[in-house]
Amino acid sequence: MFAESLGRRILVAGTPGSGKTTLAGMLGRVTGLPVIHLDRLSHTAGWTPVPADSLRERLLEVMKADGWIIEGETEHGLDVRLAAADTIIYLDLNRYVCLFRLFKRMLTGGWKPREDVAPGCEDRVNRDLVRSVRWIWDFDAKHRSLTVEQLRNLASTKKVVRLAGPAELNSFERELREHGL
């Protein structure tokens, strides 16, 4: 079965607005694995960051489970997530798509509580939104080549799925639906 080929420890990564939460939810429904949202682990109310050592401890604790899907984007604890994952799914969408999706989320549902973030963390126009926009905009120039190289290096020991663009992401999601949704 398609879902079984992904393993029991799946990491979903990508920039804000790339579709990590949506894809992780679909994967969770298909595989029956719990979905762990990094934004819930890495922040407290008001988007207050959890100290890096506390985040690492939280990650190590949830990763003790037999299987999981971890979605989100933070550099803290990336080494332990990559080491523990059987499969890494990287959503490599261009900045315009990610920005569109980020603003769409803000306009269509951003004012409602989200299950993928810590209680007291709402999407709103503030410095965190500006930080997300800047991260998305700068990712190509500052981070993409390093990320792609890291994934290339991991491909010999891990299953790496790089979805480069909305068409590939949609095709992958369609395959998931055909195999269990």
C-alpha atoms as a PDB file:
ATOM      1  CA  MET A   1       0.000   0.000   0.000  1.00  0.00           C
ATOM      2  CA  PHE A   2       1.164   3.523  -0.810  1.00  0.00           C
ATOM      3  CA  ALA A   3       0.863   4.880   2.750  1.00  0.00           C
ATOM      4  CA  GLU A   4       2.828   1.953   4.195  1.00  0.00           C
ATOM      5  CA  SER A   5       5.728   2.709   1.852  1.00  0.00           C
ATOM      6  CA  LEU A   6       6.168   6.022   3.637  1.00  0.00           C
ATOM      7  CA  GLY A   7       7.192   4.389   6.908  1.00  0.00           C
ATOM      8  CA  ARG A   8       5.957   5.186  10.396  1.00  0.00           C
ATOM      9  CA  ARG A   9       7.946   8.355  11.085  1.00  0.00           C
ATOM     10  CA  ILE A  10       7.203  11.061   8.565  1.00  0.00           C
ATOM     11  CA  LEU A  11       8.547  14.596   8.555  1.00  0.00           C
ATOM     12  CA  VAL A  12       6.667  17.194   6.468  1.00  0.00           C
ATOM     13  CA  ALA A  13       8.686  20.368   5.879  1.00  0.00           C
ATOM     14  CA  GLY A  14       8.392  23.513   3.787  1.00  0.00           C
ATOM     15  CA  THR A  15       8.033  27.258   4.102  1.00  0.00           C
ATOM     16  CA  PRO A  16       4.965  28.888   5.669  1.00  0.00           C
ATOM     17  CA  GLY A  17       2.020  28.618   3.286  1.00  0.00           C
ATOM     18  CA  SER A  18       3.385  25.591   1.427  1.00  0.00           C
ATOM     19  CA  GLY A  19       0.637  23.248   2.669  1.00  0.00           C
ATOM     20  CA  LYS A  20       2.442  21.306   5.422  1.00  0.00           C
ATOM     21  CA  THR A  21      -0.508  21.208   7.823  1.00  0.00           C
ATOM     22  CA  THR A  22      -3.011  20.182   5.148  1.00  0.00           C
ATOM     23  CA  LEU A  23      -0.760  17.425   3.799  1.00  0.00           C
ATOM     24  CA  ALA A  24       0.115  16.170   7.295  1.00  0.00           C
ATOM     25  CA  GLY A  25      -3.608  15.952   8.116  1.00  0.00           C
ATOM     26  CA  MET A  26      -4.243  13.892   4.982  1.00  0.00           C
ATOM     27  CA  LEU A  27      -1.299  11.630   5.813  1.00  0.00           C
ATOM     28  CA  GLY A  28      -2.611  11.200   9.343  1.00  0.00           C
ATOM     29  CA  ARG A  29      -6.032  10.123   8.079  1.00  0.00           C
ATOM     30  CA  VAL A  30      -4.517   7.667   5.580  1.00  0.00           C
ATOM     31  CA  THR A  31      -1.903   6.134   7.897  1.00  0.00           C
ATOM     32  CA  GLY A  32      -3.644   6.443  11.260  1.00  0.00           C
ATOM     33  CA  LEU A  33      -0.473   8.023  12.650  1.00  0.00           C
ATOM     34  CA  PRO A  34      -0.729  10.968  15.058  1.00  0.00           C
ATOM     35  CA  VAL A  35       0.080  14.371  13.594  1.00  0.00           C
ATOM     36  CA  ILE A  36       2.393  16.562  15.660  1.00  0.00           C
ATOM     37  CA  HIS A  37       2.387  20.255  14.825  1.00  0.00           C
ATOM     38  CA  LEU A  38       5.674  22.017  15.529  1.00  0.00           C
ATOM     39  CA  ASP A  39       3.882  25.331  16.056  1.00  0.00           C
ATOM     40  CA  ARG A  40       2.079  23.762  19.039  1.00  0.00           C
ATOM     41  CA  LEU A  41       5.382  22.515  20.496  1.00  0.00           C
ATOM     42  CA  SER A  42       7.518  25.540  19.720  1.00  0.00           C
ATOM     43  CA  HIS A  43       5.271  28.368  20.949  1.00  0.00           C
ATOM     44  CA  THR A  44       3.113  29.342  23.883  1.00  0.00           C
ATOM     45  CA  ALA A  45       0.284  31.897  23.945  1.00  0.00           C
ATOM     46  CA  GLY A  46       0.921  35.027  21.908  1.00  0.00           C
ATOM     47  CA  TRP A  47       3.451  33.227  19.690  1.00  0.00           C
ATOM     48  CA  THR A  48       6.016  33.326  22.491  1.00  0.00           C
ATOM     49  CA  PRO A  49       8.861  31.005  21.430  1.00  0.00           C
ATOM     50  CA  VAL A  50       9.697  28.063  23.650  1.00  0.00           C
ATOM     51  CA  PRO A  51      13.434  28.031  24.530  1.00  0.00           C
ATOM     52  CA  ALA A  52      15.426  25.809  22.136  1.00  0.00           C
ATOM     53  CA  ASP A  53      16.418  23.301  24.826  1.00  0.00           C
ATOM     54  CA  SER A  54      12.779  22.930  25.961  1.00  0.00           C
ATOM     55  CA  LEU A  55      11.660  22.439  22.365  1.00  0.00           C
ATOM     56  CA  ARG A  56      14.301  19.761  21.897  1.00  0.00           C
ATOM     57  CA  GLU A  57      13.059  17.963  25.031  1.00  0.00           C
ATOM     58  CA  ARG A  58       9.460  18.177  23.798  1.00  0.00           C
ATOM     59  CA  LEU A  59      10.479  16.786  20.412  1.00  0.00           C
ATOM     60  CA  LEU A  60      12.428  13.917  21.921  1.00  0.00           C
ATOM     61  CA  GLU A  61       9.433  13.039  24.089  1.00  0.00           C
ATOM     62  CA  VAL A  62       6.865  12.944  21.247  1.00  0.00           C
ATOM     63  CA  MET A  63       9.295  11.121  18.970  1.00  0.00           C
ATOM     64  CA  LYS A  64       9.462   8.191  21.413  1.00  0.00           C
ATOM     65  CA  ALA A  65       6.173   7.007  19.947  1.00  0.00           C
ATOM     66  CA  ASP A  66       6.178   4.074  17.539  1.00  0.00           C
ATOM     67  CA  GLY A  67       5.001   6.309  14.709  1.00  0.00           C
ATOM     68  CA  TRP A  68       4.232   9.938  13.988  1.00  0.00           C
ATOM     69  CA  ILE A  69       3.910  12.661  11.402  1.00  0.00           C
ATOM     70  CA  ILE A  70       5.669  15.876  12.388  1.00  0.00           C
ATOM     71  CA  GLU A  71       4.871  18.962  10.373  1.00  0.00           C
ATOM     72  CA  GLY A  72       6.285  22.414  10.659  1.00  0.00           C
ATOM     73  CA  GLU A  73       9.295  24.546  10.073  1.00  0.00           C
ATOM     74  CA  THR A  74      11.818  25.501  12.683  1.00  0.00           C
ATOM     75  CA  GLU A  75      15.554  25.002  12.646  1.00  0.00           C
ATOM     76  CA  HIS A  76      15.594  24.059  16.339  1.00  0.00           C
ATOM     77  CA  GLY A  77      15.612  20.298  16.687  1.00  0.00           C
ATOM     78  CA  LEU A  78      15.864  19.724  12.947  1.00  0.00           C
ATOM     79  CA  ASP A  79      18.805  17.372  13.465  1.00  0.00           C
ATOM     80  CA  VAL A  80      16.814  15.019  15.714  1.00  0.00           C
ATOM     81  CA  ARG A  81      13.757  15.132  13.450  1.00  0.00           C
ATOM     82  CA  LEU A  82      15.823  14.303  10.364  1.00  0.00           C
ATOM     83  CA  ALA A  83      17.676  11.523  12.177  1.00  0.00           C
ATOM     84  CA  ALA A  84      14.471   9.888  13.442  1.00  0.00           C
ATOM     85  CA  ALA A  85      12.343  10.218  10.303  1.00  0.00           C
ATOM     86  CA  ASP A  86      11.856   7.315   7.892  1.00  0.00           C
ATOM     87  CA  THR A  87      10.472   9.681   5.257  1.00  0.00           C
ATOM     88  CA  ILE A  88      10.978  13.378   4.649  1.00  0.00           C
ATOM     89  CA  ILE A  89       8.396  15.126   2.499  1.00  0.00           C
ATOM     90  CA  TYR A  90       9.619  18.536   1.427  1.00  0.00           C
ATOM     91  CA  LEU A  91       7.117  20.983  -0.056  1.00  0.00           C
ATOM     92  CA  ASP A  92       9.239  23.086  -2.381  1.00  0.00           C
ATOM     93  CA  LEU A  93       6.725  25.590  -3.684  1.00  0.00           C
ATOM     94  CA  ASN A  94       7.677  28.971  -5.075  1.00  0.00           C
ATOM     95  CA  ARG A  95       7.364  32.071  -2.961  1.00  0.00           C
ATOM     96  CA  TYR A  96       4.382  33.517  -4.820  1.00  0.00           C
ATOM     97  CA  VAL A  97       2.277  30.397  -4.199  1.00  0.00           C
ATOM     98  CA  CYS A  98       3.280  30.344  -0.513  1.00  0.00           C
ATOM     99  CA  LEU A  99       2.574  34.046  -0.042  1.00  0.00           C
ATOM    100  CA  PHE A 100      -0.800  33.689  -1.745  1.00  0.00           C
ATOM    101  CA  ARG A 101      -1.696  30.760   0.512  1.00  0.00           C
ATOM    102  CA  LEU A 102      -0.502  32.571   3.636  1.00  0.00           C
ATOM    103  CA  PHE A 103      -2.614  35.640   2.868  1.00  0.00           C
ATOM    104  CA  LYS A 104      -5.570  33.471   1.859  1.00  0.00           C
ATOM    105  CA  ARG A 105      -5.396  31.718   5.242  1.00  0.00           C
ATOM    106  CA  MET A 106      -5.308  35.089   6.971  1.00  0.00           C
ATOM    107  CA  LEU A 107      -8.297  36.403   5.000  1.00  0.00           C
ATOM    108  CA  THR A 108     -10.503  33.315   5.009  1.00  0.00           C
ATOM    109  CA  GLY A 109      -9.897  31.795   8.400  1.00  0.00           C
ATOM    110  CA  GLY A 110      -6.981  33.482  10.054  1.00  0.00           C
ATOM    111  CA  TRP A 111      -9.049  34.946  12.821  1.00  0.00           C
ATOM    112  CA  LYS A 112     -10.340  31.568  13.991  1.00  0.00           C
ATOM    113  CA  PRO A 113      -8.421  29.344  16.435  1.00  0.00           C
ATOM    114  CA  ARG A 114      -6.362  26.694  14.656  1.00  0.00           C
ATOM    115  CA  GLU A 115      -5.693  23.199  15.950  1.00  0.00           C
ATOM    116  CA  ASP A 116      -2.118  23.256  14.632  1.00  0.00           C
ATOM    117  CA  VAL A 117      -0.963  26.134  16.846  1.00  0.00           C
ATOM    118  CA  ALA A 118      -0.682  26.557  20.596  1.00  0.00           C
ATOM    119  CA  PRO A 119      -3.697  28.008  22.424  1.00  0.00           C
ATOM    120  CA  GLY A 120      -3.552  31.791  22.371  1.00  0.00           C
ATOM    121  CA  CYS A 121      -1.706  31.944  19.049  1.00  0.00           C
ATOM    122  CA  GLU A 122      -3.860  33.572  16.415  1.00  0.00           C
ATOM    123  CA  ASP A 123      -2.997  34.586  12.903  1.00  0.00           C
ATOM    124  CA  ARG A 124      -3.013  38.342  12.807  1.00  0.00           C
ATOM    125  CA  VAL A 125      -1.203  41.172  11.160  1.00  0.00           C
ATOM    126  CA  ASN A 126       1.822  41.675  13.382  1.00  0.00           C
ATOM    127  CA  ARG A 127       5.570  41.187  13.379  1.00  0.00           C
ATOM    128  CA  ASP A 128       5.158  37.385  13.227  1.00  0.00           C
ATOM    129  CA  LEU A 129       3.272  37.707   9.960  1.00  0.00           C
ATOM    130  CA  VAL A 130       5.956  40.053   8.672  1.00  0.00           C
ATOM    131  CA  ARG A 131       8.596  37.526   9.763  1.00  0.00           C
ATOM    132  CA  SER A 132       6.781  34.744   7.877  1.00  0.00           C
ATOM    133  CA  VAL A 133       6.507  36.872   4.749  1.00  0.00           C
ATOM    134  CA  ARG A 134      10.200  37.738   4.947  1.00  0.00           C
ATOM    135  CA  TRP A 135      11.138  34.049   5.492  1.00  0.00           C
ATOM    136  CA  ILE A 136       9.102  33.015   2.440  1.00  0.00           C
ATOM    137  CA  TRP A 137      10.527  35.823   0.306  1.00  0.00           C
ATOM    138  CA  ASP A 138      14.162  35.238   1.305  1.00  0.00           C
ATOM    139  CA  PHE A 139      14.052  31.428   1.275  1.00  0.00           C
ATOM    140  CA  ASP A 140      15.068  31.036  -2.375  1.00  0.00           C
ATOM    141  CA  ALA A 141      18.186  33.151  -2.033  1.00  0.00           C
ATOM    142  CA  LYS A 142      19.237  32.174   1.483  1.00  0.00           C
ATOM    143  CA  HIS A 143      18.106  28.624   2.175  1.00  0.00           C
ATOM    144  CA  ARG A 144      16.784  26.638  -0.796  1.00  0.00           C
ATOM    145  CA  SER A 145      20.097  25.372  -2.205  1.00  0.00           C
ATOM    146  CA  LEU A 146      21.298  24.252   1.243  1.00  0.00           C
ATOM    147  CA  THR A 147      17.971  22.527   1.954  1.00  0.00           C
ATOM    148  CA  VAL A 148      17.974  20.719  -1.385  1.00  0.00           C
ATOM    149  CA  GLU A 149      21.584  19.636  -0.812  1.00  0.00           C
ATOM    150  CA  GLN A 150      20.715  18.305   2.671  1.00  0.00           C
ATOM    151  CA  LEU A 151      17.859  16.302   1.182  1.00  0.00           C
ATOM    152  CA  ARG A 152      20.093  14.939  -1.568  1.00  0.00           C
ATOM    153  CA  ASN A 153      22.562  13.754   1.074  1.00  0.00           C
ATOM    154  CA  LEU A 154      19.801  12.096   3.098  1.00  0.00           C
ATOM    155  CA  ALA A 155      18.317  10.286   0.087  1.00  0.00           C
ATOM    156  CA  SER A 156      20.758   7.384   0.466  1.00  0.00           C
ATOM    157  CA  THR A 157      19.449   6.525   3.956  1.00  0.00           C
ATOM    158  CA  LYS A 158      15.918   7.993   4.013  1.00  0.00           C
ATOM    159  CA  LYS A 159      12.952   8.131   1.711  1.00  0.00           C
ATOM    160  CA  VAL A 160      12.917  11.727   0.479  1.00  0.00           C
ATOM    161  CA  VAL A 161       9.930  13.091  -1.408  1.00  0.00           C
ATOM    162  CA  ARG A 162      10.419  16.559  -2.866  1.00  0.00           C
ATOM    163  CA  LEU A 163       7.223  18.071  -4.212  1.00  0.00           C
ATOM    164  CA  ALA A 164       8.321  20.945  -6.430  1.00  0.00           C
ATOM    165  CA  GLY A 165       5.230  22.920  -7.229  1.00  0.00           C
ATOM    166  CA  PRO A 166       1.471  22.806  -6.850  1.00  0.00           C
ATOM    167  CA  ALA A 167       1.021  20.217  -9.630  1.00  0.00           C
ATOM    168  CA  GLU A 168       3.302  17.690  -7.891  1.00  0.00           C
ATOM    169  CA  LEU A 169       1.694  18.401  -4.524  1.00  0.00           C
ATOM    170  CA  ASN A 170      -1.800  17.947  -5.999  1.00  0.00           C
ATOM    171  CA  SER A 171      -0.735  14.687  -7.663  1.00  0.00           C
ATOM    172  CA  PHE A 172       0.688  13.392  -4.371  1.00  0.00           C
ATOM    173  CA  GLU A 173      -2.500  14.368  -2.505  1.00  0.00           C
ATOM    174  CA  ARG A 174      -4.608  12.669  -5.208  1.00  0.00           C
ATOM    175  CA  GLU A 175      -2.558   9.491  -4.753  1.00  0.00           C
ATOM    176  CA  LEU A 176      -3.149   9.677  -0.998  1.00  0.00           C
ATOM    177  CA  ARG A 177      -6.900   9.995  -1.531  1.00  0.00           C
ATOM    178  CA  GLU A 178      -6.862   7.001  -3.873  1.00  0.00           C
ATOM    179  CA  HIS A 179      -5.111   4.917  -1.222  1.00  0.00           C
ATOM    180  CA  GLY A 180      -7.214   5.473   1.793  1.00  0.00           C
ATOM    181  CA  LEU A 181      -8.980   8.783   2.275  1.00  0.00           C
END
